[in-house]
Amino acid sequence: MKIIFPFRSRTATVALLLASLVLSACAEWVPLKPGAEGVRVATADQVKHCRHVGRTIVSVADAVAGIKRKPQTVTAELERLARNHAPKLGGDTIVPEGPVKNGERSYKVYRCRGAK
């Protein structure tokens, strides 16, 4: 069986595949769901008068095919996942608990609107 490559050389085909992998490693894959648009990201000082309603631990792939993804992309996706989960806990605000580690981060979830 003969494999037909769309390019004249295998080198060009491999280069195209590698370029595709690199581009996919930069892509953002997590959309913000309806209801999560109003969830804000805050610091611990900003939630002193809010009610703590829970905690969420979220994770994404921090590498694709062995290629590390941009840290800011990974962080943004983790934040969107946490924002997506906050309304399920009755929250409207999230606070990151620590740094991103191996594509994972935990967030505290708070209810600030209407909290006393």
PDB file of N, CA and C in Angstrom:
ATOM      1  N   MET A   1       0.847  -1.179   0.000  1.00  0.00           N
ATOM      2  CA  MET A   1       0.000   0.000   0.000  1.00  0.00           C
ATOM      3  C   MET A   1       0.891   1.241   0.000  1.00  0.00           C
ATOM      4  N   LYS A   2       0.575   2.175  -0.846  1.00  0.00           N
ATOM      5  CA  LYS A   2       1.365   3.396  -0.961  1.00  0.00           C
ATOM      6  C   LYS A   2       0.609   4.549  -0.311  1.00  0.00           C
ATOM      7  N   ILE A   3       1.321   5.310   0.537  1.00  0.00           N
ATOM      8  CA  ILE A   3       0.728   6.477   1.188  1.00  0.00           C
ATOM      9  C   ILE A   3       0.970   7.674   0.295  1.00  0.00           C
ATOM     10  N   ILE A   4      -0.095   8.414   0.018  1.00  0.00           N
ATOM     11  CA  ILE A   4       0.009   9.588  -0.841  1.00  0.00           C
ATOM     12  C   ILE A   4       0.026  10.823   0.048  1.00  0.00           C
ATOM     13  N   PHE A   5       1.077  11.622  -0.086  1.00  0.00           N
ATOM     14  CA  PHE A   5       1.209  12.854   0.675  1.00  0.00           C
ATOM     15  C   PHE A   5       0.755  14.021  -0.188  1.00  0.00           C
ATOM     16  N   PRO A   6       0.041  14.976   0.401  1.00  0.00           N
ATOM     17  CA  PRO A   6      -0.439  16.106  -0.399  1.00  0.00           C
ATOM     18  C   PRO A   6       0.683  17.059  -0.798  1.00  0.00           C
ATOM     19  N   PHE A   7       1.867  16.884  -0.220  1.00  0.00           N
ATOM     20  CA  PHE A   7       2.990  17.733  -0.559  1.00  0.00           C
ATOM     21  C   PHE A   7       4.047  16.881  -1.235  1.00  0.00           C
ATOM     22  N   ARG A   8       5.017  17.508  -1.831  1.00  0.00           N
ATOM     23  CA  ARG A   8       6.027  16.800  -2.605  1.00  0.00           C
ATOM     24  C   ARG A   8       7.000  15.996  -1.750  1.00  0.00           C
ATOM     25  N   SER A   9       7.105  16.360  -0.497  1.00  0.00           N
ATOM     26  CA  SER A   9       8.060  15.634   0.334  1.00  0.00           C
ATOM     27  C   SER A   9       7.462  15.318   1.696  1.00  0.00           C
ATOM     28  N   ARG A  10       7.992  14.303   2.303  1.00  0.00           N
ATOM     29  CA  ARG A  10       7.548  13.954   3.654  1.00  0.00           C
ATOM     30  C   ARG A  10       7.954  15.049   4.635  1.00  0.00           C
ATOM     31  N   THR A  11       9.066  15.699   4.374  1.00  0.00           N
ATOM     32  CA  THR A  11       9.532  16.776   5.246  1.00  0.00           C
ATOM     33  C   THR A  11       8.490  17.889   5.307  1.00  0.00           C
ATOM     34  N   ALA A  12       7.935  18.249   4.171  1.00  0.00           N
ATOM     35  CA  ALA A  12       6.912  19.302   4.145  1.00  0.00           C
ATOM     36  C   ALA A  12       5.670  18.858   4.901  1.00  0.00           C
ATOM     37  N   THR A  13       5.289  17.606   4.766  1.00  0.00           N
ATOM     38  CA  THR A  13       4.124  17.086   5.469  1.00  0.00           C
ATOM     39  C   THR A  13       4.353  17.094   6.978  1.00  0.00           C
ATOM     40  N   VAL A  14       5.539  16.652   7.403  1.00  0.00           N
ATOM     41  CA  VAL A  14       5.866  16.648   8.832  1.00  0.00           C
ATOM     42  C   VAL A  14       5.892  18.074   9.367  1.00  0.00           C
ATOM     43  N   ALA A  15       6.446  19.001   8.599  1.00  0.00           N
ATOM     44  CA  ALA A  15       6.490  20.406   9.020  1.00  0.00           C
ATOM     45  C   ALA A  15       5.083  20.960   9.189  1.00  0.00           C
ATOM     46  N   LEU A  16       4.195  20.608   8.275  1.00  0.00           N
ATOM     47  CA  LEU A  16       2.815  21.071   8.381  1.00  0.00           C
ATOM     48  C   LEU A  16       2.134  20.486   9.620  1.00  0.00           C
ATOM     49  N   LEU A  17       2.350  19.221   9.879  1.00  0.00           N
ATOM     50  CA  LEU A  17       1.770  18.594  11.069  1.00  0.00           C
ATOM     51  C   LEU A  17       2.295  19.231  12.346  1.00  0.00           C
ATOM     52  N   LEU A  18       3.595  19.496  12.401  1.00  0.00           N
ATOM     53  CA  LEU A  18       4.173  20.145  13.585  1.00  0.00           C
ATOM     54  C   LEU A  18       3.620  21.547  13.764  1.00  0.00           C
ATOM     55  N   ALA A  19       3.476  22.278  12.674  1.00  0.00           N
ATOM     56  CA  ALA A  19       2.907  23.631  12.765  1.00  0.00           C
ATOM     57  C   ALA A  19       1.481  23.578  13.291  1.00  0.00           C
ATOM     58  N   SER A  20       0.720  22.586  12.851  1.00  0.00           N
ATOM     59  CA  SER A  20      -0.653  22.430  13.342  1.00  0.00           C
ATOM     60  C   SER A  20      -0.682  22.151  14.836  1.00  0.00           C
ATOM     61  N   LEU A  21       0.239  21.306  15.300  1.00  0.00           N
ATOM     62  CA  LEU A  21       0.306  20.997  16.732  1.00  0.00           C
ATOM     63  C   LEU A  21       0.662  22.228  17.541  1.00  0.00           C
ATOM     64  N   VAL A  22       1.616  23.006  17.055  1.00  0.00           N
ATOM     65  CA  VAL A  22       2.032  24.218  17.770  1.00  0.00           C
ATOM     66  C   VAL A  22       0.861  25.195  17.851  1.00  0.00           C
ATOM     67  N   LEU A  23       0.156  25.374  16.745  1.00  0.00           N
ATOM     68  CA  LEU A  23      -0.991  26.282  16.760  1.00  0.00           C
ATOM     69  C   LEU A  23      -2.089  25.790  17.682  1.00  0.00           C
ATOM     70  N   SER A  24      -2.332  24.482  17.710  1.00  0.00           N
ATOM     71  CA  SER A  24      -3.374  23.966  18.600  1.00  0.00           C
ATOM     72  C   SER A  24      -2.964  24.097  20.058  1.00  0.00           C
ATOM     73  N   ALA A  25      -1.672  24.102  20.326  1.00  0.00           N
ATOM     74  CA  ALA A  25      -1.197  24.278  21.698  1.00  0.00           C
ATOM     75  C   ALA A  25      -1.475  25.693  22.188  1.00  0.00           C
ATOM     76  N   CYS A  26      -1.633  26.635  21.268  1.00  0.00           N
ATOM     77  CA  CYS A  26      -1.906  28.026  21.633  1.00  0.00           C
ATOM     78  C   CYS A  26      -3.405  28.325  21.701  1.00  0.00           C
ATOM     79  N   ALA A  27      -4.217  27.441  21.178  1.00  0.00           N
ATOM     80  CA  ALA A  27      -5.651  27.694  21.081  1.00  0.00           C
ATOM     81  C   ALA A  27      -6.320  27.674  22.445  1.00  0.00           C
ATOM     82  N   GLU A  28      -7.379  28.446  22.549  1.00  0.00           N
ATOM     83  CA  GLU A  28      -8.200  28.438  23.755  1.00  0.00           C
ATOM     84  C   GLU A  28      -9.399  27.547  23.492  1.00  0.00           C
ATOM     85  N   TRP A  29      -9.647  26.595  24.383  1.00  0.00           N
ATOM     86  CA  TRP A  29     -10.659  25.575  24.162  1.00  0.00           C
ATOM     87  C   TRP A  29     -11.867  25.680  25.076  1.00  0.00           C
ATOM     88  N   VAL A  30     -11.859  26.577  26.040  1.00  0.00           N
ATOM     89  CA  VAL A  30     -12.939  26.608  27.033  1.00  0.00           C
ATOM     90  C   VAL A  30     -13.804  27.858  26.835  1.00  0.00           C
ATOM     91  N   PRO A  31     -15.042  27.663  26.394  1.00  0.00           N
ATOM     92  CA  PRO A  31     -15.924  28.820  26.247  1.00  0.00           C
ATOM     93  C   PRO A  31     -16.566  29.193  27.584  1.00  0.00           C
ATOM     94  N   LEU A  32     -16.942  30.442  27.723  1.00  0.00           N
ATOM     95  CA  LEU A  32     -17.668  30.902  28.907  1.00  0.00           C
ATOM     96  C   LEU A  32     -19.143  30.597  28.689  1.00  0.00           C
ATOM     97  N   LYS A  33     -19.753  29.881  29.622  1.00  0.00           N
ATOM     98  CA  LYS A  33     -21.148  29.451  29.481  1.00  0.00           C
ATOM     99  C   LYS A  33     -22.109  30.555  29.907  1.00  0.00           C
ATOM    100  N   PRO A  34     -23.345  30.500  29.396  1.00  0.00           N
ATOM    101  CA  PRO A  34     -24.356  31.467  29.842  1.00  0.00           C
ATOM    102  C   PRO A  34     -24.528  31.376  31.365  1.00  0.00           C
ATOM    103  N   GLY A  35     -24.633  32.523  31.997  1.00  0.00           N
ATOM    104  CA  GLY A  35     -24.757  32.560  33.453  1.00  0.00           C
ATOM    105  C   GLY A  35     -23.427  32.829  34.133  1.00  0.00           C
ATOM    106  N   ALA A  36     -22.342  32.541  33.424  1.00  0.00           N
ATOM    107  CA  ALA A  36     -21.018  32.752  34.006  1.00  0.00           C
ATOM    108  C   ALA A  36     -20.452  34.128  33.647  1.00  0.00           C
ATOM    109  N   GLU A  37     -21.116  34.815  32.722  1.00  0.00           N
ATOM    110  CA  GLU A  37     -20.610  36.138  32.314  1.00  0.00           C
ATOM    111  C   GLU A  37     -20.549  37.111  33.479  1.00  0.00           C
ATOM    112  N   GLY A  38     -21.482  36.983  34.419  1.00  0.00           N
ATOM    113  CA  GLY A  38     -21.537  37.894  35.565  1.00  0.00           C
ATOM    114  C   GLY A  38     -20.640  37.506  36.720  1.00  0.00           C
ATOM    115  N   VAL A  39     -19.948  36.386  36.600  1.00  0.00           N
ATOM    116  CA  VAL A  39     -19.046  35.954  37.675  1.00  0.00           C
ATOM    117  C   VAL A  39     -17.734  36.708  37.529  1.00  0.00           C
ATOM    118  N   ARG A  40     -17.327  37.350  38.612  1.00  0.00           N
ATOM    119  CA  ARG A  40     -16.082  38.116  38.545  1.00  0.00           C
ATOM    120  C   ARG A  40     -14.960  37.401  39.276  1.00  0.00           C
ATOM    121  N   VAL A  41     -13.743  37.769  38.920  1.00  0.00           N
ATOM    122  CA  VAL A  41     -12.551  37.240  39.587  1.00  0.00           C
ATOM    123  C   VAL A  41     -12.076  38.324  40.538  1.00  0.00           C
ATOM    124  N   ALA A  42     -11.830  37.954  41.793  1.00  0.00           N
ATOM    125  CA  ALA A  42     -11.458  38.935  42.810  1.00  0.00           C
ATOM    126  C   ALA A  42     -10.265  38.438  43.615  1.00  0.00           C
ATOM    127  N   THR A  43      -9.786  39.310  44.492  1.00  0.00           N
ATOM    128  CA  THR A  43      -8.732  38.938  45.434  1.00  0.00           C
ATOM    129  C   THR A  43      -9.386  38.643  46.781  1.00  0.00           C
ATOM    130  N   ALA A  44      -8.631  38.053  47.680  1.00  0.00           N
ATOM    131  CA  ALA A  44      -9.153  37.735  49.018  1.00  0.00           C
ATOM    132  C   ALA A  44      -9.623  38.996  49.739  1.00  0.00           C
ATOM    133  N   ASP A  45      -8.923  40.108  49.560  1.00  0.00           N
ATOM    134  CA  ASP A  45      -9.326  41.361  50.210  1.00  0.00           C
ATOM    135  C   ASP A  45     -10.669  41.875  49.702  1.00  0.00           C
ATOM    136  N   GLN A  46     -10.986  41.573  48.454  1.00  0.00           N
ATOM    137  CA  GLN A  46     -12.216  42.082  47.861  1.00  0.00           C
ATOM    138  C   GLN A  46     -13.459  41.285  48.251  1.00  0.00           C
ATOM    139  N   VAL A  47     -13.295  40.157  48.921  1.00  0.00           N
ATOM    140  CA  VAL A  47     -14.455  39.323  49.271  1.00  0.00           C
ATOM    141  C   VAL A  47     -14.688  39.245  50.787  1.00  0.00           C
ATOM    142  N   LYS A  48     -14.141  40.191  51.530  1.00  0.00           N
ATOM    143  CA  LYS A  48     -14.272  40.180  52.996  1.00  0.00           C
ATOM    144  C   LYS A  48     -15.722  40.217  53.460  1.00  0.00           C
ATOM    145  N   HIS A  49     -16.580  40.874  52.696  1.00  0.00           N
ATOM    146  CA  HIS A  49     -17.984  41.011  53.101  1.00  0.00           C
ATOM    147  C   HIS A  49     -18.896  40.086  52.292  1.00  0.00           C
ATOM    148  N   CYS A  50     -18.319  39.114  51.649  1.00  0.00           N
ATOM    149  CA  CYS A  50     -19.087  38.157  50.840  1.00  0.00           C
ATOM    150  C   CYS A  50     -19.265  36.852  51.619  1.00  0.00           C
ATOM    151  N   ARG A  51     -20.211  36.044  51.163  1.00  0.00           N
ATOM    152  CA  ARG A  51     -20.469  34.758  51.799  1.00  0.00           C
ATOM    153  C   ARG A  51     -19.767  33.666  51.011  1.00  0.00           C
ATOM    154  N   HIS A  52     -18.936  32.883  51.681  1.00  0.00           N
ATOM    155  CA  HIS A  52     -18.236  31.765  51.051  1.00  0.00           C
ATOM    156  C   HIS A  52     -19.256  30.654  50.801  1.00  0.00           C
ATOM    157  N   VAL A  53     -19.365  30.192  49.536  1.00  0.00           N
ATOM    158  CA  VAL A  53     -20.366  29.169  49.216  1.00  0.00           C
ATOM    159  C   VAL A  53     -19.741  27.846  48.758  1.00  0.00           C
ATOM    160  N   GLY A  54     -18.430  27.827  48.560  1.00  0.00           N
ATOM    161  CA  GLY A  54     -17.810  26.570  48.154  1.00  0.00           C
ATOM    162  C   GLY A  54     -16.439  26.745  47.550  1.00  0.00           C
ATOM    163  N   ARG A  55     -16.003  25.670  46.949  1.00  0.00           N
ATOM    164  CA  ARG A  55     -14.667  25.621  46.359  1.00  0.00           C
ATOM    165  C   ARG A  55     -14.756  24.770  45.108  1.00  0.00           C
ATOM    166  N   THR A  56     -13.991  25.122  44.096  1.00  0.00           N
ATOM    167  CA  THR A  56     -13.934  24.323  42.884  1.00  0.00           C
ATOM    168  C   THR A  56     -12.482  24.115  42.471  1.00  0.00           C
ATOM    169  N   ILE A  57     -12.189  22.933  42.003  1.00  0.00           N
ATOM    170  CA  ILE A  57     -10.864  22.618  41.479  1.00  0.00           C
ATOM    171  C   ILE A  57     -11.045  22.300  40.005  1.00  0.00           C
ATOM    172  N   VAL A  58     -10.350  23.038  39.164  1.00  0.00           N
ATOM    173  CA  VAL A  58     -10.500  22.879  37.723  1.00  0.00           C
ATOM    174  C   VAL A  58      -9.152  22.527  37.101  1.00  0.00           C
ATOM    175  N   SER A  59      -9.207  21.859  35.951  1.00  0.00           N
ATOM    176  CA  SER A  59      -7.956  21.493  35.275  1.00  0.00           C
ATOM    177  C   SER A  59      -8.146  21.471  33.773  1.00  0.00           C
ATOM    178  N   VAL A  60      -7.056  21.742  33.068  1.00  0.00           N
ATOM    179  CA  VAL A  60      -6.996  21.677  31.610  1.00  0.00           C
ATOM    180  C   VAL A  60      -5.645  21.076  31.227  1.00  0.00           C
ATOM    181  N   ALA A  61      -5.515  20.711  29.973  1.00  0.00           N
ATOM    182  CA  ALA A  61      -4.229  20.205  29.479  1.00  0.00           C
ATOM    183  C   ALA A  61      -3.241  21.362  29.425  1.00  0.00           C
ATOM    184  N   ASP A  62      -2.077  21.180  30.031  1.00  0.00           N
ATOM    185  CA  ASP A  62      -1.068  22.230  29.962  1.00  0.00           C
ATOM    186  C   ASP A  62      -0.033  21.942  28.875  1.00  0.00           C
ATOM    187  N   ALA A  63      -0.198  20.824  28.181  1.00  0.00           N
ATOM    188  CA  ALA A  63       0.664  20.478  27.054  1.00  0.00           C
ATOM    189  C   ALA A  63      -0.160  19.681  26.046  1.00  0.00           C
ATOM    190  N   VAL A  64       0.156  19.863  24.779  1.00  0.00           N
ATOM    191  CA  VAL A  64      -0.496  19.127  23.706  1.00  0.00           C
ATOM    192  C   VAL A  64       0.592  18.437  22.896  1.00  0.00           C
ATOM    193  N   ALA A  65       0.529  17.126  22.827  1.00  0.00           N
ATOM    194  CA  ALA A  65       1.528  16.327  22.097  1.00  0.00           C
ATOM    195  C   ALA A  65       2.940  16.668  22.566  1.00  0.00           C
ATOM    196  N   GLY A  66       3.078  16.875  23.877  1.00  0.00           N
ATOM    197  CA  GLY A  66       4.383  17.161  24.451  1.00  0.00           C
ATOM    198  C   GLY A  66       4.830  18.607  24.337  1.00  0.00           C
ATOM    199  N   ILE A  67       4.008  19.450  23.726  1.00  0.00           N
ATOM    200  CA  ILE A  67       4.352  20.869  23.570  1.00  0.00           C
ATOM    201  C   ILE A  67       3.608  21.654  24.638  1.00  0.00           C
ATOM    202  N   LYS A  68       4.354  22.377  25.474  1.00  0.00           N
ATOM    203  CA  LYS A  68       3.763  23.175  26.545  1.00  0.00           C
ATOM    204  C   LYS A  68       2.913  24.288  25.964  1.00  0.00           C
ATOM    205  N   ARG A  69       1.736  24.479  26.554  1.00  0.00           N
ATOM    206  CA  ARG A  69       0.858  25.573  26.150  1.00  0.00           C
ATOM    207  C   ARG A  69       1.275  26.835  26.873  1.00  0.00           C
ATOM    208  N   LYS A  70       0.897  27.981  26.334  1.00  0.00           N
ATOM    209  CA  LYS A  70       1.233  29.263  26.957  1.00  0.00           C
ATOM    210  C   LYS A  70       0.597  29.331  28.339  1.00  0.00           C
ATOM    211  N   PRO A  71       1.369  29.708  29.358  1.00  0.00           N
ATOM    212  CA  PRO A  71       0.809  29.794  30.721  1.00  0.00           C
ATOM    213  C   PRO A  71      -0.409  30.711  30.816  1.00  0.00           C
ATOM    214  N   GLN A  72      -0.401  31.827  30.089  1.00  0.00           N
ATOM    215  CA  GLN A  72      -1.545  32.746  30.164  1.00  0.00           C
ATOM    216  C   GLN A  72      -2.796  32.129  29.535  1.00  0.00           C
ATOM    217  N   THR A  73      -2.638  31.274  28.532  1.00  0.00           N
ATOM    218  CA  THR A  73      -3.780  30.586  27.930  1.00  0.00           C
ATOM    219  C   THR A  73      -4.359  29.571  28.912  1.00  0.00           C
ATOM    220  N   VAL A  74      -3.473  28.812  29.542  1.00  0.00           N
ATOM    221  CA  VAL A  74      -3.905  27.821  30.531  1.00  0.00           C
ATOM    222  C   VAL A  74      -4.623  28.517  31.684  1.00  0.00           C
ATOM    223  N   THR A  75      -4.052  29.596  32.184  1.00  0.00           N
ATOM    224  CA  THR A  75      -4.659  30.345  33.288  1.00  0.00           C
ATOM    225  C   THR A  75      -6.032  30.894  32.897  1.00  0.00           C
ATOM    226  N   ALA A  76      -6.149  31.430  31.688  1.00  0.00           N
ATOM    227  CA  ALA A  76      -7.432  31.983  31.232  1.00  0.00           C
ATOM    228  C   ALA A  76      -8.490  30.886  31.134  1.00  0.00           C
ATOM    229  N   GLU A  77      -8.108  29.709  30.652  1.00  0.00           N
ATOM    230  CA  GLU A  77      -9.062  28.608  30.552  1.00  0.00           C
ATOM    231  C   GLU A  77      -9.494  28.106  31.929  1.00  0.00           C
ATOM    232  N   LEU A  78      -8.551  28.022  32.857  1.00  0.00           N
ATOM    233  CA  LEU A  78      -8.895  27.615  34.221  1.00  0.00           C
ATOM    234  C   LEU A  78      -9.871  28.609  34.839  1.00  0.00           C
ATOM    235  N   GLU A  79      -9.621  29.873  34.610  1.00  0.00           N
ATOM    236  CA  GLU A  79     -10.495  30.912  35.138  1.00  0.00           C
ATOM    237  C   GLU A  79     -11.903  30.787  34.553  1.00  0.00           C
ATOM    238  N   ARG A  80     -11.998  30.540  33.243  1.00  0.00           N
ATOM    239  CA  ARG A  80     -13.314  30.377  32.623  1.00  0.00           C
ATOM    240  C   ARG A  80     -14.038  29.139  33.170  1.00  0.00           C
ATOM    241  N   LEU A  81     -13.303  28.046  33.377  1.00  0.00           N
ATOM    242  CA  LEU A  81     -13.922  26.850  33.966  1.00  0.00           C
ATOM    243  C   LEU A  81     -14.465  27.140  35.359  1.00  0.00           C
ATOM    244  N   ALA A  82     -13.679  27.847  36.163  1.00  0.00           N
ATOM    245  CA  ALA A  82     -14.124  28.188  37.519  1.00  0.00           C
ATOM    246  C   ALA A  82     -15.325  29.125  37.470  1.00  0.00           C
ATOM    247  N   ARG A  83     -15.321  30.078  36.552  1.00  0.00           N
ATOM    248  CA  ARG A  83     -16.461  30.986  36.401  1.00  0.00           C
ATOM    249  C   ARG A  83     -17.699  30.210  35.953  1.00  0.00           C
ATOM    250  N   ASN A  84     -17.508  29.219  35.080  1.00  0.00           N
ATOM    251  CA  ASN A  84     -18.630  28.383  34.632  1.00  0.00           C
ATOM    252  C   ASN A  84     -19.230  27.591  35.784  1.00  0.00           C
ATOM    253  N   HIS A  85     -18.402  27.188  36.738  1.00  0.00           N
ATOM    254  CA  HIS A  85     -18.870  26.352  37.842  1.00  0.00           C
ATOM    255  C   HIS A  85     -19.481  27.160  38.994  1.00  0.00           C
ATOM    256  N   ALA A  86     -19.067  28.398  39.155  1.00  0.00           N
ATOM    257  CA  ALA A  86     -19.519  29.217  40.287  1.00  0.00           C
ATOM    258  C   ALA A  86     -21.040  29.327  40.402  1.00  0.00           C
ATOM    259  N   PRO A  87     -21.788  29.584  39.329  1.00  0.00           N
ATOM    260  CA  PRO A  87     -23.249  29.689  39.480  1.00  0.00           C
ATOM    261  C   PRO A  87     -23.889  28.391  39.983  1.00  0.00           C
ATOM    262  N   LYS A  88     -23.305  27.255  39.679  1.00  0.00           N
ATOM    263  CA  LYS A  88     -23.842  25.972  40.153  1.00  0.00           C
ATOM    264  C   LYS A  88     -23.755  25.872  41.676  1.00  0.00           C
ATOM    265  N   LEU A  89     -22.809  26.609  42.265  1.00  0.00           N
ATOM    266  CA  LEU A  89     -22.650  26.630  43.720  1.00  0.00           C
ATOM    267  C   LEU A  89     -23.374  27.816  44.356  1.00  0.00           C
ATOM    268  N   GLY A  90     -24.016  28.626  43.522  1.00  0.00           N
ATOM    269  CA  GLY A  90     -24.702  29.815  44.022  1.00  0.00           C
ATOM    270  C   GLY A  90     -23.778  31.002  44.161  1.00  0.00           C
ATOM    271  N   GLY A  91     -22.632  30.956  43.505  1.00  0.00           N
ATOM    272  CA  GLY A  91     -21.654  32.034  43.618  1.00  0.00           C
ATOM    273  C   GLY A  91     -21.663  32.986  42.451  1.00  0.00           C
ATOM    274  N   ASP A  92     -21.102  34.173  42.701  1.00  0.00           N
ATOM    275  CA  ASP A  92     -20.961  35.173  41.643  1.00  0.00           C
ATOM    276  C   ASP A  92     -19.550  35.750  41.597  1.00  0.00           C
ATOM    277  N   THR A  93     -18.663  35.206  42.428  1.00  0.00           N
ATOM    278  CA  THR A  93     -17.288  35.695  42.501  1.00  0.00           C
ATOM    279  C   THR A  93     -16.359  34.514  42.793  1.00  0.00           C
ATOM    280  N   ILE A  94     -15.195  34.505  42.147  1.00  0.00           N
ATOM    281  CA  ILE A  94     -14.198  33.468  42.428  1.00  0.00           C
ATOM    282  C   ILE A  94     -12.886  34.122  42.836  1.00  0.00           C
ATOM    283  N   VAL A  95     -12.141  33.402  43.680  1.00  0.00           N
ATOM    284  CA  VAL A  95     -10.828  33.860  44.127  1.00  0.00           C
ATOM    285  C   VAL A  95      -9.850  32.698  43.965  1.00  0.00           C
ATOM    286  N   PRO A  96      -8.798  32.872  43.157  1.00  0.00           N
ATOM    287  CA  PRO A  96      -7.818  31.790  43.022  1.00  0.00           C
ATOM    288  C   PRO A  96      -7.133  31.530  44.352  1.00  0.00           C
ATOM    289  N   GLU A  97      -6.933  30.249  44.678  1.00  0.00           N
ATOM    290  CA  GLU A  97      -6.311  29.889  45.958  1.00  0.00           C
ATOM    291  C   GLU A  97      -4.796  29.780  45.888  1.00  0.00           C
ATOM    292  N   GLY A  98      -4.259  29.607  44.746  1.00  0.00           N
ATOM    293  CA  GLY A  98      -2.814  29.451  44.620  1.00  0.00           C
ATOM    294  C   GLY A  98      -2.421  29.459  43.163  1.00  0.00           C
ATOM    295  N   PRO A  99      -1.174  29.129  42.889  1.00  0.00           N
ATOM    296  CA  PRO A  99      -0.702  29.148  41.501  1.00  0.00           C
ATOM    297  C   PRO A  99      -1.233  27.956  40.707  1.00  0.00           C
ATOM    298  N   VAL A 100      -1.132  28.060  39.408  1.00  0.00           N
ATOM    299  CA  VAL A 100      -1.466  26.950  38.515  1.00  0.00           C
ATOM    300  C   VAL A 100      -0.364  25.905  38.645  1.00  0.00           C
ATOM    301  N   LYS A 101      -0.763  24.657  38.821  1.00  0.00           N
ATOM    302  CA  LYS A 101       0.220  23.576  38.946  1.00  0.00           C
ATOM    303  C   LYS A 101      -0.223  22.408  38.073  1.00  0.00           C
ATOM    304  N   ASN A 102       0.582  22.075  37.085  1.00  0.00           N
ATOM    305  CA  ASN A 102       0.279  20.970  36.164  1.00  0.00           C
ATOM    306  C   ASN A 102      -1.108  21.104  35.529  1.00  0.00           C
ATOM    307  N   GLY A 103      -1.475  22.326  35.173  1.00  0.00           N
ATOM    308  CA  GLY A 103      -2.755  22.551  34.517  1.00  0.00           C
ATOM    309  C   GLY A 103      -3.946  22.533  35.456  1.00  0.00           C
ATOM    310  N   GLU A 104      -3.712  22.657  36.752  1.00  0.00           N
ATOM    311  CA  GLU A 104      -4.795  22.599  37.743  1.00  0.00           C
ATOM    312  C   GLU A 104      -4.716  23.802  38.685  1.00  0.00           C
ATOM    313  N   ARG A 105      -5.879  24.251  39.122  1.00  0.00           N
ATOM    314  CA  ARG A 105      -5.935  25.355  40.092  1.00  0.00           C
ATOM    315  C   ARG A 105      -7.240  25.264  40.869  1.00  0.00           C
ATOM    316  N   SER A 106      -7.186  25.640  42.126  1.00  0.00           N
ATOM    317  CA  SER A 106      -8.405  25.664  42.930  1.00  0.00           C
ATOM    318  C   SER A 106      -8.841  27.114  43.153  1.00  0.00           C
ATOM    319  N   TYR A 107     -10.126  27.274  43.283  1.00  0.00           N
ATOM    320  CA  TYR A 107     -10.732  28.597  43.488  1.00  0.00           C
ATOM    321  C   TYR A 107     -11.748  28.505  44.616  1.00  0.00           C
ATOM    322  N   LYS A 108     -11.800  29.542  45.443  1.00  0.00           N
ATOM    323  CA  LYS A 108     -12.883  29.682  46.408  1.00  0.00           C
ATOM    324  C   LYS A 108     -14.001  30.408  45.689  1.00  0.00           C
ATOM    325  N   VAL A 109     -15.231  30.022  46.000  1.00  0.00           N
ATOM    326  CA  VAL A 109     -16.396  30.619  45.359  1.00  0.00           C
ATOM    327  C   VAL A 109     -17.204  31.383  46.414  1.00  0.00           C
ATOM    328  N   TYR A 110     -17.598  32.610  46.066  1.00  0.00           N
ATOM    329  CA  TYR A 110     -18.306  33.480  46.996  1.00  0.00           C
ATOM    330  C   TYR A 110     -19.572  34.009  46.360  1.00  0.00           C
ATOM    331  N   ARG A 111     -20.514  34.378  47.233  1.00  0.00           N
ATOM    332  CA  ARG A 111     -21.714  35.104  46.837  1.00  0.00           C
ATOM    333  C   ARG A 111     -21.554  36.498  47.408  1.00  0.00           C
ATOM    334  N   CYS A 112     -21.351  37.480  46.532  1.00  0.00           N
ATOM    335  CA  CYS A 112     -21.122  38.857  47.001  1.00  0.00           C
ATOM    336  C   CYS A 112     -22.348  39.743  46.819  1.00  0.00           C
ATOM    337  N   ARG A 113     -23.091  39.536  45.770  1.00  0.00           N
ATOM    338  CA  ARG A 113     -24.290  40.353  45.542  1.00  0.00           C
ATOM    339  C   ARG A 113     -25.368  39.931  46.548  1.00  0.00           C
ATOM    340  N   GLY A 114     -25.808  40.886  47.315  1.00  0.00           N
ATOM    341  CA  GLY A 114     -26.847  40.602  48.297  1.00  0.00           C
ATOM    342  C   GLY A 114     -26.300  39.982  49.587  1.00  0.00           C
ATOM    343  N   ALA A 115     -24.993  39.839  49.707  1.00  0.00           N
ATOM    344  CA  ALA A 115     -24.401  39.251  50.927  1.00  0.00           C
ATOM    345  C   ALA A 115     -24.243  40.352  51.978  1.00  0.00           C
ATOM    346  N   LYS A 116     -24.401  39.946  53.231  1.00  0.00           N
ATOM    347  CA  LYS A 116     -24.233  40.905  54.333  1.00  0.00           C
ATOM    348  C   LYS A 116     -23.353  40.308  55.380  1.00  0.00           C
TER     349      LYS A 116
END
